[in-house]
Every structure is written in structure tokens, then in C-alpha cells.
């Protein structure tokens, strides 16, 4: 997930990305501190397993006042895979 900043972020703010883990349904949470002047932030989850075709997976991006602090802004979206992970090879081909 890549976030593009459209206006200055508050001092001390933290960006948080949440990804639904297909294997467990739990939310994987990643955080990065906001940096003055920075225009983009990249969040990558660990490798996932258990992806099912035609099932929605929830993601959420939150702007926090500080780590563990008040939520200033939140945006949620769902993604859907057209391919079931069981049809993919166990590992990449050479």
C-alpha cells in the first residue's frame, strides 16, 4: 500500500496501515511516523497465505495524533482477489 500526502501532517503524527490477514482474519498493523515534507509512505505486509477468490479483504489507513493516540482521520477499503491462492505454485519458478 502506498499513501500520498495531500496536505501537511500534524507534528508528531503517525500513519497506520491495517491489512486483514487472509489466514487468520486478524488485522496486521504497521506504523510509520509522519515526516515534515515527505509526500509518500509505503507499507508492505509480510507474505500472506490463505487468499480466497471472490472474498473481500479489508484494509484501513489511519492518521493518529501520536503512536497509540487519537485517530484524526481514517479511510477503509476492501480488495478482492479473482484468483484463489491454491492454484498458484508453491514457490516462484527460476
C-alpha atoms as a PDB file:
ATOM      1  CA  UNK A   1       0.000   0.000   0.000  1.00  0.00           C
ATOM      2  CA  UNK A   2       1.330   3.435  -0.904  1.00  0.00           C
ATOM      3  CA  UNK A   3      -0.010   6.621   0.665  1.00  0.00           C
ATOM      4  CA  UNK A   4       0.347  10.011  -0.990  1.00  0.00           C
ATOM      5  CA  UNK A   5       0.151  13.008   1.352  1.00  0.00           C
ATOM      6  CA  UNK A   6      -2.109  15.789   0.080  1.00  0.00           C
ATOM      7  CA  UNK A   7      -1.576  18.328   2.870  1.00  0.00           C
ATOM      8  CA  UNK A   8       0.881  18.831   5.735  1.00  0.00           C
ATOM      9  CA  UNK A   9       0.518  16.336   8.586  1.00  0.00           C
ATOM     10  CA  UNK A  10       0.478  17.403  12.243  1.00  0.00           C
ATOM     11  CA  UNK A  11       3.740  17.352  14.207  1.00  0.00           C
ATOM     12  CA  UNK A  12       4.201  14.024  15.975  1.00  0.00           C
ATOM     13  CA  UNK A  13       1.541  12.293  13.856  1.00  0.00           C
ATOM     14  CA  UNK A  14       1.771   8.606  12.983  1.00  0.00           C
ATOM     15  CA  UNK A  15       0.424   6.865   9.876  1.00  0.00           C
ATOM     16  CA  UNK A  16      -1.017   3.407  10.461  1.00  0.00           C
ATOM     17  CA  UNK A  17      -1.934   0.798   7.840  1.00  0.00           C
ATOM     18  CA  UNK A  18      -4.072  -2.231   8.726  1.00  0.00           C
ATOM     19  CA  UNK A  19      -4.357  -5.297   6.473  1.00  0.00           C
ATOM     20  CA  UNK A  20      -6.712  -8.215   7.034  1.00  0.00           C
ATOM     21  CA  UNK A  21      -4.697 -11.440   7.272  1.00  0.00           C
ATOM     22  CA  UNK A  22      -6.473 -13.966   4.998  1.00  0.00           C
ATOM     23  CA  UNK A  23      -5.223 -16.918   7.052  1.00  0.00           C
ATOM     24  CA  UNK A  24      -6.500 -15.703  10.433  1.00  0.00           C
ATOM     25  CA  UNK A  25      -8.837 -12.759   9.846  1.00  0.00           C
ATOM     26  CA  UNK A  26      -6.757 -10.705  12.314  1.00  0.00           C
ATOM     27  CA  UNK A  27      -5.570  -7.244  11.318  1.00  0.00           C
ATOM     28  CA  UNK A  28      -1.853  -6.822  10.624  1.00  0.00           C
ATOM     29  CA  UNK A  29      -0.852  -3.344  11.836  1.00  0.00           C
ATOM     30  CA  UNK A  30       2.090  -1.310  10.509  1.00  0.00           C
ATOM     31  CA  UNK A  31       3.028   2.215  11.628  1.00  0.00           C
ATOM     32  CA  UNK A  32       5.348   4.944  10.404  1.00  0.00           C
ATOM     33  CA  UNK A  33       5.976   8.366  11.926  1.00  0.00           C
ATOM     34  CA  UNK A  34       4.978  11.315   9.738  1.00  0.00           C
ATOM     35  CA  UNK A  35       7.972  13.320   8.497  1.00  0.00           C
ATOM     36  CA  UNK A  36       7.785  17.015   7.549  1.00  0.00           C
ATOM     37  CA  UNK A  37       7.846  17.481   3.781  1.00  0.00           C
ATOM     38  CA  UNK A  38       7.536  13.783   2.981  1.00  0.00           C
ATOM     39  CA  UNK A  39       4.977  13.192   0.220  1.00  0.00           C
ATOM     40  CA  UNK A  40       4.695   9.389   0.177  1.00  0.00           C
ATOM     41  CA  UNK A  41       4.741   6.394   2.507  1.00  0.00           C
ATOM     42  CA  UNK A  42       4.984   2.727   1.549  1.00  0.00           C
ATOM     43  CA  UNK A  43       3.560  -0.062   3.718  1.00  0.00           C
ATOM     44  CA  UNK A  44       4.212  -3.735   2.951  1.00  0.00           C
ATOM     45  CA  UNK A  45       2.692  -6.649   4.797  1.00  0.00           C
ATOM     46  CA  UNK A  46       4.516  -9.867   5.457  1.00  0.00           C
ATOM     47  CA  UNK A  47       3.918 -12.627   2.874  1.00  0.00           C
ATOM     48  CA  UNK A  48       0.299 -13.734   3.187  1.00  0.00           C
ATOM     49  CA  UNK A  49      -1.323 -17.120   2.760  1.00  0.00           C
ATOM     50  CA  UNK A  50      -4.890 -18.369   2.564  1.00  0.00           C
ATOM     51  CA  UNK A  51      -6.119 -15.888  -0.065  1.00  0.00           C
ATOM     52  CA  UNK A  52      -9.501 -17.000  -1.426  1.00  0.00           C
ATOM     53  CA  UNK A  53     -11.042 -15.942  -4.716  1.00  0.00           C
ATOM     54  CA  UNK A  54     -14.098 -13.669  -4.650  1.00  0.00           C
ATOM     55  CA  UNK A  55     -13.719 -12.796  -0.953  1.00  0.00           C
ATOM     56  CA  UNK A  56     -13.303  -9.227   0.286  1.00  0.00           C
ATOM     57  CA  UNK A  57     -10.248  -8.348   2.379  1.00  0.00           C
ATOM     58  CA  UNK A  58     -10.378  -5.163   4.427  1.00  0.00           C
ATOM     59  CA  UNK A  59      -7.652  -2.532   4.659  1.00  0.00           C
ATOM     60  CA  UNK A  60      -7.637   0.672   6.646  1.00  0.00           C
ATOM     61  CA  UNK A  61      -5.332   3.681   6.810  1.00  0.00           C
ATOM     62  CA  UNK A  62      -5.409   5.862   9.898  1.00  0.00           C
ATOM     63  CA  UNK A  63      -3.747   9.130  10.832  1.00  0.00           C
ATOM     64  CA  UNK A  64      -3.012   9.138  14.566  1.00  0.00           C
ATOM     65  CA  UNK A  65      -2.116  12.136  16.730  1.00  0.00           C
ATOM     66  CA  UNK A  66       0.800  10.014  18.067  1.00  0.00           C
ATOM     67  CA  UNK A  67       1.622   6.304  18.351  1.00  0.00           C
ATOM     68  CA  UNK A  68      -1.396   4.765  20.083  1.00  0.00           C
ATOM     69  CA  UNK A  69      -3.056   8.191  20.121  1.00  0.00           C
ATOM     70  CA  UNK A  70      -6.312   9.721  18.981  1.00  0.00           C
ATOM     71  CA  UNK A  71      -7.487   8.853  15.449  1.00  0.00           C
ATOM     72  CA  UNK A  72      -7.506  12.088  13.434  1.00  0.00           C
ATOM     73  CA  UNK A  73      -8.557  10.568  10.106  1.00  0.00           C
ATOM     74  CA  UNK A  74      -9.416   7.110   8.804  1.00  0.00           C
ATOM     75  CA  UNK A  75     -10.018   5.579   5.360  1.00  0.00           C
ATOM     76  CA  UNK A  76     -11.128   1.974   4.779  1.00  0.00           C
ATOM     77  CA  UNK A  77     -11.308  -0.040   1.585  1.00  0.00           C
ATOM     78  CA  UNK A  78     -11.796  -3.667   0.615  1.00  0.00           C
ATOM     79  CA  UNK A  79      -9.878  -5.592  -2.022  1.00  0.00           C
ATOM     80  CA  UNK A  80     -10.904  -8.802  -3.756  1.00  0.00           C
ATOM     81  CA  UNK A  81      -8.741 -11.396  -5.451  1.00  0.00           C
ATOM     82  CA  UNK A  82     -10.012 -13.062  -8.603  1.00  0.00           C
ATOM     83  CA  UNK A  83      -7.540 -15.923  -8.079  1.00  0.00           C
ATOM     84  CA  UNK A  84      -7.564 -18.479  -5.287  1.00  0.00           C
ATOM     85  CA  UNK A  85      -4.113 -18.999  -3.798  1.00  0.00           C
ATOM     86  CA  UNK A  86      -4.448 -22.799  -4.031  1.00  0.00           C
ATOM     87  CA  UNK A  87      -3.954 -22.640  -7.826  1.00  0.00           C
ATOM     88  CA  UNK A  88      -0.630 -20.777  -7.550  1.00  0.00           C
ATOM     89  CA  UNK A  89       2.723 -22.595  -7.487  1.00  0.00           C
ATOM     90  CA  UNK A  90       4.183 -23.285  -4.037  1.00  0.00           C
ATOM     91  CA  UNK A  91       7.239 -21.159  -4.869  1.00  0.00           C
ATOM     92  CA  UNK A  92       8.420 -18.938  -7.730  1.00  0.00           C
ATOM     93  CA  UNK A  93       9.857 -20.570 -10.814  1.00  0.00           C
ATOM     94  CA  UNK A  94      13.507 -19.950 -11.710  1.00  0.00           C
END
